Amino acid sequence: MDIGALFILLALLILVAMYLAQPYMEKRAKFVSAEELELSALLAKRDDAINALKELEFDNTLGKVPAEDYPIQRAELMKKGADVLRQIDVHQAGGAGNAPATNLDDDLESLIAARRSKRKAKSGGFCSNCGHPILSGDKFCTSCGKRT
């Protein structure tokens, strides 16, 4: 083998070794500020509150939650979620002063009511022939083709 080829091979091996060793040679620490950690924790609490509300709604529709307990549990979860949203607003505003007093419960209730009314407007029941769900605007069943 030629001496020039050996030098090229050696240089190539050194470059590959340096490239592979680069992450281990750098002493850079990933620094996350306390504000970022706090915001991340608040966002996780918000997601937990939303998921708990969804689960409570689902359990209520299945009849797993007693009728007298549902409003109490829902009010507690809504309060918890509203508190977390206020904390997020304060955090994003730079922590200066209190967040503007908005009635988040009413906003959430109006969004939920609007979504439910849209969902109910779309549902048309079930096909009398095959039992497949149909929409209110359907003239024929999409499963069996019978006129609705």
C-alpha atoms as a PDB file:
ATOM      1  CA  MET A   1       0.000   0.000   0.000  1.00  0.00           C
ATOM      2  CA  ASP A   2       1.182   3.493  -0.814  1.00  0.00           C
ATOM      3  CA  ILE A   3       2.260   5.834   1.992  1.00  0.00           C
ATOM      4  CA  GLY A   4      -0.111   8.553   0.676  1.00  0.00           C
ATOM      5  CA  ALA A   5      -3.100   6.211   0.952  1.00  0.00           C
ATOM      6  CA  LEU A   6      -2.113   5.405   4.535  1.00  0.00           C
ATOM      7  CA  PHE A   7      -2.016   9.105   5.438  1.00  0.00           C
ATOM      8  CA  ILE A   8      -5.422   9.706   3.850  1.00  0.00           C
ATOM      9  CA  LEU A   9      -6.865   6.693   5.686  1.00  0.00           C
ATOM     10  CA  LEU A  10      -5.324   7.847   8.966  1.00  0.00           C
ATOM     11  CA  ALA A  11      -6.691  11.390   8.492  1.00  0.00           C
ATOM     12  CA  LEU A  12     -10.133  10.013   7.705  1.00  0.00           C
ATOM     13  CA  LEU A  13     -10.100   7.813  10.813  1.00  0.00           C
ATOM     14  CA  ILE A  14      -9.031  10.758  12.989  1.00  0.00           C
ATOM     15  CA  LEU A  15     -11.852  12.925  11.605  1.00  0.00           C
ATOM     16  CA  VAL A  16     -14.438  10.187  12.228  1.00  0.00           C
ATOM     17  CA  ALA A  17     -13.122   9.615  15.757  1.00  0.00           C
ATOM     18  CA  MET A  18     -13.267  13.360  16.508  1.00  0.00           C
ATOM     19  CA  TYR A  19     -16.805  13.576  15.166  1.00  0.00           C
ATOM     20  CA  LEU A  20     -17.950  10.640  17.283  1.00  0.00           C
ATOM     21  CA  ALA A  21     -16.166  11.888  20.414  1.00  0.00           C
ATOM     22  CA  GLN A  22     -17.470  15.450  20.149  1.00  0.00           C
ATOM     23  CA  PRO A  23     -20.572  14.981  22.365  1.00  0.00           C
ATOM     24  CA  TYR A  24     -18.416  13.437  25.088  1.00  0.00           C
ATOM     25  CA  MET A  25     -15.782  16.157  24.924  1.00  0.00           C
ATOM     26  CA  GLU A  26     -18.171  19.075  25.258  1.00  0.00           C
ATOM     27  CA  LYS A  27     -18.875  20.077  28.824  1.00  0.00           C
ATOM     28  CA  ARG A  28     -22.026  21.981  28.113  1.00  0.00           C
ATOM     29  CA  ALA A  29     -24.755  21.659  30.670  1.00  0.00           C
ATOM     30  CA  LYS A  30     -28.338  22.133  29.727  1.00  0.00           C
ATOM     31  CA  PHE A  31     -29.597  24.831  32.035  1.00  0.00           C
ATOM     32  CA  VAL A  32     -33.301  25.210  32.593  1.00  0.00           C
ATOM     33  CA  SER A  33     -34.362  28.301  34.467  1.00  0.00           C
ATOM     34  CA  ALA A  34     -36.662  28.213  37.475  1.00  0.00           C
ATOM     35  CA  GLU A  35     -39.299  30.163  35.525  1.00  0.00           C
ATOM     36  CA  GLU A  36     -39.361  27.523  32.791  1.00  0.00           C
ATOM     37  CA  LEU A  37     -39.714  24.764  35.373  1.00  0.00           C
ATOM     38  CA  GLU A  38     -42.549  26.615  37.100  1.00  0.00           C
ATOM     39  CA  LEU A  39     -44.385  27.220  33.817  1.00  0.00           C
ATOM     40  CA  SER A  40     -43.942  23.575  32.856  1.00  0.00           C
ATOM     41  CA  ALA A  41     -45.384  22.467  36.199  1.00  0.00           C
ATOM     42  CA  LEU A  42     -48.350  24.829  35.796  1.00  0.00           C
ATOM     43  CA  LEU A  43     -49.047  23.554  32.284  1.00  0.00           C
ATOM     44  CA  ALA A  44     -48.939  19.983  33.592  1.00  0.00           C
ATOM     45  CA  LYS A  45     -51.438  20.917  36.324  1.00  0.00           C
ATOM     46  CA  ARG A  46     -53.686  22.490  33.687  1.00  0.00           C
ATOM     47  CA  ASP A  47     -53.572  19.336  31.584  1.00  0.00           C
ATOM     48  CA  ASP A  48     -54.327  17.223  34.660  1.00  0.00           C
ATOM     49  CA  ALA A  49     -57.370  19.372  35.470  1.00  0.00           C
ATOM     50  CA  ILE A  50     -58.667  19.121  31.900  1.00  0.00           C
ATOM     51  CA  ASN A  51     -58.188  15.355  31.847  1.00  0.00           C
ATOM     52  CA  ALA A  52     -59.912  14.990  35.212  1.00  0.00           C
ATOM     53  CA  LEU A  53     -62.883  17.024  33.920  1.00  0.00           C
ATOM     54  CA  LYS A  54     -63.108  14.862  30.806  1.00  0.00           C
ATOM     55  CA  GLU A  55     -63.007  11.693  32.900  1.00  0.00           C
ATOM     56  CA  LEU A  56     -65.673  13.029  35.247  1.00  0.00           C
ATOM     57  CA  GLU A  57     -67.935  13.917  32.292  1.00  0.00           C
ATOM     58  CA  PHE A  58     -67.409  10.461  30.818  1.00  0.00           C
ATOM     59  CA  ASP A  59     -68.071   8.728  34.131  1.00  0.00           C
ATOM     60  CA  ASN A  60     -71.214  10.821  34.564  1.00  0.00           C
ATOM     61  CA  THR A  61     -72.524   9.808  31.142  1.00  0.00           C
ATOM     62  CA  LEU A  62     -71.892   6.150  32.031  1.00  0.00           C
ATOM     63  CA  GLY A  63     -73.670   6.573  35.374  1.00  0.00           C
ATOM     64  CA  LYS A  64     -70.622   5.758  37.497  1.00  0.00           C
ATOM     65  CA  VAL A  65     -70.831   9.014  39.460  1.00  0.00           C
ATOM     66  CA  PRO A  66     -73.834   9.536  41.768  1.00  0.00           C
ATOM     67  CA  ALA A  67     -76.058  12.405  40.633  1.00  0.00           C
ATOM     68  CA  GLU A  68     -75.649  14.279  43.927  1.00  0.00           C
ATOM     69  CA  ASP A  69     -71.823  14.057  43.829  1.00  0.00           C
ATOM     70  CA  TYR A  70     -71.339  15.115  40.201  1.00  0.00           C
ATOM     71  CA  PRO A  71     -72.004  18.882  40.582  1.00  0.00           C
ATOM     72  CA  ILE A  72     -69.781  19.087  43.654  1.00  0.00           C
ATOM     73  CA  GLN A  73     -66.878  17.263  42.006  1.00  0.00           C
ATOM     74  CA  ARG A  74     -67.281  19.251  38.800  1.00  0.00           C
ATOM     75  CA  ALA A  75     -67.288  22.570  40.678  1.00  0.00           C
ATOM     76  CA  GLU A  76     -64.106  21.575  42.532  1.00  0.00           C
ATOM     77  CA  LEU A  77     -62.350  20.596  39.312  1.00  0.00           C
ATOM     78  CA  MET A  78     -63.471  23.792  37.559  1.00  0.00           C
ATOM     79  CA  LYS A  79     -62.169  25.867  40.476  1.00  0.00           C
ATOM     80  CA  LYS A  80     -58.868  24.005  40.427  1.00  0.00           C
ATOM     81  CA  GLY A  81     -58.542  24.528  36.659  1.00  0.00           C
ATOM     82  CA  ALA A  82     -59.438  28.220  36.914  1.00  0.00           C
ATOM     83  CA  ASP A  83     -56.843  28.720  39.660  1.00  0.00           C
ATOM     84  CA  VAL A  84     -54.158  27.087  37.540  1.00  0.00           C
ATOM     85  CA  LEU A  85     -55.127  29.219  34.529  1.00  0.00           C
ATOM     86  CA  ARG A  86     -54.888  32.364  36.670  1.00  0.00           C
ATOM     87  CA  GLN A  87     -51.425  31.293  37.843  1.00  0.00           C
ATOM     88  CA  ILE A  88     -50.357  30.712  34.238  1.00  0.00           C
ATOM     89  CA  ASP A  89     -51.654  34.170  33.282  1.00  0.00           C
ATOM     90  CA  VAL A  90     -49.727  35.755  36.153  1.00  0.00           C
ATOM     91  CA  HIS A  91     -46.596  33.828  35.213  1.00  0.00           C
ATOM     92  CA  GLN A  92     -46.813  34.795  31.542  1.00  0.00           C
ATOM     93  CA  ALA A  93     -47.490  38.430  32.435  1.00  0.00           C
ATOM     94  CA  GLY A  94     -44.146  38.485  34.204  1.00  0.00           C
ATOM     95  CA  GLY A  95     -45.506  37.942  37.677  1.00  0.00           C
ATOM     96  CA  ALA A  96     -46.366  41.610  38.093  1.00  0.00           C
ATOM     97  CA  GLY A  97     -49.602  42.164  40.008  1.00  0.00           C
ATOM     98  CA  ASN A  98     -52.620  39.998  39.796  1.00  0.00           C
ATOM     99  CA  ALA A  99     -54.064  38.708  36.582  1.00  0.00           C
ATOM    100  CA  PRO A 100     -57.171  40.469  35.329  1.00  0.00           C
ATOM    101  CA  ALA A 101     -60.245  39.117  37.014  1.00  0.00           C
ATOM    102  CA  THR A 102     -62.123  37.246  34.317  1.00  0.00           C
ATOM    103  CA  ASN A 103     -64.852  34.774  34.869  1.00  0.00           C
ATOM    104  CA  LEU A 104     -63.204  31.721  33.358  1.00  0.00           C
ATOM    105  CA  ASP A 105     -66.003  29.436  34.500  1.00  0.00           C
ATOM    106  CA  ASP A 106     -68.521  31.273  32.318  1.00  0.00           C
ATOM    107  CA  ASP A 107     -66.152  31.191  29.349  1.00  0.00           C
ATOM    108  CA  LEU A 108     -65.585  27.465  29.734  1.00  0.00           C
ATOM    109  CA  GLU A 109     -69.293  26.813  30.210  1.00  0.00           C
ATOM    110  CA  SER A 110     -70.176  28.746  27.047  1.00  0.00           C
ATOM    111  CA  LEU A 111     -67.560  26.843  25.026  1.00  0.00           C
ATOM    112  CA  ILE A 112     -68.824  23.508  26.328  1.00  0.00           C
ATOM    113  CA  ALA A 113     -72.449  24.449  25.615  1.00  0.00           C
ATOM    114  CA  ALA A 114     -71.587  25.574  22.070  1.00  0.00           C
ATOM    115  CA  ARG A 115     -69.744  22.340  21.370  1.00  0.00           C
ATOM    116  CA  ARG A 116     -72.586  20.219  22.738  1.00  0.00           C
ATOM    117  CA  SER A 117     -75.167  22.059  20.648  1.00  0.00           C
ATOM    118  CA  LYS A 118     -73.091  21.509  17.499  1.00  0.00           C
ATOM    119  CA  ARG A 119     -72.710  17.837  18.316  1.00  0.00           C
ATOM    120  CA  LYS A 120     -76.451  17.392  18.946  1.00  0.00           C
ATOM    121  CA  ALA A 121     -77.311  19.214  15.727  1.00  0.00           C
ATOM    122  CA  LYS A 122     -75.251  16.718  13.735  1.00  0.00           C
ATOM    123  CA  SER A 123     -76.693  13.544  15.223  1.00  0.00           C
ATOM    124  CA  GLY A 124     -79.727  12.153  13.444  1.00  0.00           C
ATOM    125  CA  GLY A 125     -80.263   8.943  15.387  1.00  0.00           C
ATOM    126  CA  PHE A 126     -79.888   5.405  14.088  1.00  0.00           C
ATOM    127  CA  CYS A 127     -80.947   3.556  10.961  1.00  0.00           C
ATOM    128  CA  SER A 128     -84.145   1.561  11.527  1.00  0.00           C
ATOM    129  CA  ASN A 129     -82.861  -1.208   9.261  1.00  0.00           C
ATOM    130  CA  CYS A 130     -79.281  -1.876  10.411  1.00  0.00           C
ATOM    131  CA  GLY A 131     -78.849   0.309  13.539  1.00  0.00           C
ATOM    132  CA  HIS A 132     -75.916   2.266  12.093  1.00  0.00           C
ATOM    133  CA  PRO A 133     -75.666   5.885  13.373  1.00  0.00           C
ATOM    134  CA  ILE A 134     -76.816   8.495  10.856  1.00  0.00           C
ATOM    135  CA  LEU A 135     -76.503  12.273  10.656  1.00  0.00           C
ATOM    136  CA  SER A 136     -79.443  14.654  10.495  1.00  0.00           C
ATOM    137  CA  GLY A 137     -78.681  15.637   6.894  1.00  0.00           C
ATOM    138  CA  ASP A 138     -78.429  12.068   5.593  1.00  0.00           C
ATOM    139  CA  LYS A 139     -81.132  10.903   3.210  1.00  0.00           C
ATOM    140  CA  PHE A 140     -79.784   7.341   3.043  1.00  0.00           C
ATOM    141  CA  CYS A 141     -77.995   5.132   5.535  1.00  0.00           C
ATOM    142  CA  THR A 142     -74.282   4.987   4.772  1.00  0.00           C
ATOM    143  CA  SER A 143     -74.124   1.355   5.878  1.00  0.00           C
ATOM    144  CA  CYS A 144     -77.118  -0.378   4.278  1.00  0.00           C
ATOM    145  CA  GLY A 145     -78.432   2.268   1.872  1.00  0.00           C
ATOM    146  CA  LYS A 146     -82.000   2.345   3.206  1.00  0.00           C
ATOM    147  CA  ARG A 147     -83.840   5.677   2.889  1.00  0.00           C
ATOM    148  CA  THR A 148     -84.078   7.443   6.258  1.00  0.00           C
END
